[in-house]
Amino acid sequence: MSDEVIEVPFGDNASETATLLLAAAEDLGLDQSVVGTQEGSFVVPTEVHDKAFGKNEPKKTAAKKSTTRKK
């Protein structure tokens, strides 16, 4: 797993976005804790973003990985 993380906005349906990201993490064999949150967005490893949305979807790199909060 790379150390680069991507911000994914909650969007119109945060629940749907969370489901996509959690399913992508599971498909990659990663723990659900890799899907974190910060104000207004999810924070996920690049490979989780790419699995959920494809590599061509625009990405916004998060400032620091340390901003990820586990629940």
C-alpha atoms as a PDB file:
ATOM      1  CA  MET A   1       0.000   0.000   0.000  1.00  0.00           C
ATOM      2  CA  SER A   2       1.325   3.423  -0.904  1.00  0.00           C
ATOM      3  CA  ASP A   3       1.670   6.232   1.615  1.00  0.00           C
ATOM      4  CA  GLU A   4      -0.114   8.684  -0.707  1.00  0.00           C
ATOM      5  CA  VAL A   5      -3.669   9.468   0.336  1.00  0.00           C
ATOM      6  CA  ILE A   6      -6.485  11.047  -1.625  1.00  0.00           C
ATOM      7  CA  GLU A   7      -9.360  13.223  -0.430  1.00  0.00           C
ATOM      8  CA  VAL A   8     -12.746  12.067  -1.705  1.00  0.00           C
ATOM      9  CA  PRO A   9     -15.586  14.550  -1.090  1.00  0.00           C
ATOM     10  CA  PHE A  10     -18.668  13.150   0.654  1.00  0.00           C
ATOM     11  CA  GLY A  11     -20.716  14.225  -2.364  1.00  0.00           C
ATOM     12  CA  ASP A  12     -24.513  14.208  -2.513  1.00  0.00           C
ATOM     13  CA  ASN A  13     -24.738  10.784  -0.875  1.00  0.00           C
ATOM     14  CA  ALA A  14     -21.974  10.212   1.675  1.00  0.00           C
ATOM     15  CA  SER A  15     -23.350   6.776   2.533  1.00  0.00           C
ATOM     16  CA  GLU A  16     -23.031   5.601  -1.080  1.00  0.00           C
ATOM     17  CA  THR A  17     -19.511   7.008  -1.359  1.00  0.00           C
ATOM     18  CA  ALA A  18     -18.505   5.278   1.887  1.00  0.00           C
ATOM     19  CA  THR A  19     -19.919   1.967   0.633  1.00  0.00           C
ATOM     20  CA  LEU A  20     -17.924   2.228  -2.609  1.00  0.00           C
ATOM     21  CA  LEU A  21     -14.706   3.037  -0.761  1.00  0.00           C
ATOM     22  CA  LEU A  22     -15.161   0.298   1.854  1.00  0.00           C
ATOM     23  CA  ALA A  23     -15.945  -2.278  -0.855  1.00  0.00           C
ATOM     24  CA  ALA A  24     -12.845  -1.222  -2.791  1.00  0.00           C
ATOM     25  CA  ALA A  25     -10.690  -1.596   0.314  1.00  0.00           C
ATOM     26  CA  GLU A  26     -12.118  -5.064   0.938  1.00  0.00           C
ATOM     27  CA  ASP A  27     -11.513  -6.088  -2.694  1.00  0.00           C
ATOM     28  CA  LEU A  28      -7.884  -5.040  -2.270  1.00  0.00           C
ATOM     29  CA  GLY A  29      -7.563  -7.087   0.925  1.00  0.00           C
ATOM     30  CA  LEU A  30      -7.196  -3.993   3.099  1.00  0.00           C
ATOM     31  CA  ASP A  31      -8.800  -3.327   6.472  1.00  0.00           C
ATOM     32  CA  GLN A  32     -11.743  -0.923   6.538  1.00  0.00           C
ATOM     33  CA  SER A  33      -9.728   1.361   8.809  1.00  0.00           C
ATOM     34  CA  VAL A  34      -7.826   2.631   5.730  1.00  0.00           C
ATOM     35  CA  VAL A  35     -10.976   4.644   4.915  1.00  0.00           C
ATOM     36  CA  GLY A  36     -10.723   7.701   7.140  1.00  0.00           C
ATOM     37  CA  THR A  37     -12.575  10.986   7.330  1.00  0.00           C
ATOM     38  CA  GLN A  38     -11.855  14.634   7.759  1.00  0.00           C
ATOM     39  CA  GLU A  39     -14.206  17.568   7.529  1.00  0.00           C
ATOM     40  CA  GLY A  40     -16.286  17.127   4.376  1.00  0.00           C
ATOM     41  CA  SER A  41     -14.370  14.241   2.831  1.00  0.00           C
ATOM     42  CA  PHE A  42     -13.064  10.724   3.094  1.00  0.00           C
ATOM     43  CA  VAL A  43      -9.305  10.149   3.073  1.00  0.00           C
ATOM     44  CA  VAL A  44      -8.146   6.935   1.420  1.00  0.00           C
ATOM     45  CA  PRO A  45      -4.997   5.415  -0.077  1.00  0.00           C
ATOM     46  CA  THR A  46      -4.598   6.058  -3.809  1.00  0.00           C
ATOM     47  CA  GLU A  47      -5.221   2.422  -4.708  1.00  0.00           C
ATOM     48  CA  VAL A  48      -8.573   2.417  -2.874  1.00  0.00           C
ATOM     49  CA  HIS A  49      -9.651   5.546  -4.770  1.00  0.00           C
ATOM     50  CA  ASP A  50      -8.571   4.034  -8.088  1.00  0.00           C
ATOM     51  CA  LYS A  51     -10.385   0.750  -7.373  1.00  0.00           C
ATOM     52  CA  ALA A  52     -13.602   2.564  -6.409  1.00  0.00           C
ATOM     53  CA  PHE A  53     -13.672   5.226  -9.125  1.00  0.00           C
ATOM     54  CA  GLY A  54     -11.107   4.290 -11.757  1.00  0.00           C
ATOM     55  CA  LYS A  55      -7.728   5.823 -12.425  1.00  0.00           C
ATOM     56  CA  ASN A  56      -9.106   8.589 -14.661  1.00  0.00           C
ATOM     57  CA  GLU A  57     -11.254  10.197 -11.947  1.00  0.00           C
ATOM     58  CA  PRO A  58      -9.796  13.521 -10.737  1.00  0.00           C
ATOM     59  CA  LYS A  59      -7.873  13.242  -7.468  1.00  0.00           C
ATOM     60  CA  LYS A  60      -7.171  15.707  -4.687  1.00  0.00           C
ATOM     61  CA  THR A  61      -4.134  14.725  -2.657  1.00  0.00           C
ATOM     62  CA  ALA A  62      -4.588  15.162   1.072  1.00  0.00           C
ATOM     63  CA  ALA A  63      -2.112  17.352   2.915  1.00  0.00           C
ATOM     64  CA  LYS A  64      -0.831  14.651   5.255  1.00  0.00           C
ATOM     65  CA  LYS A  65      -1.572  11.037   5.954  1.00  0.00           C
ATOM     66  CA  SER A  66      -1.695  11.896   9.661  1.00  0.00           C
ATOM     67  CA  THR A  67      -5.032  13.670   9.055  1.00  0.00           C
ATOM     68  CA  THR A  68      -6.759  10.288   8.756  1.00  0.00           C
ATOM     69  CA  ARG A  69      -8.942   9.504  11.747  1.00  0.00           C
ATOM     70  CA  LYS A  70      -9.873   5.957  12.604  1.00  0.00           C
ATOM     71  CA  LYS A  71     -13.246   5.146  14.067  1.00  0.00           C
END
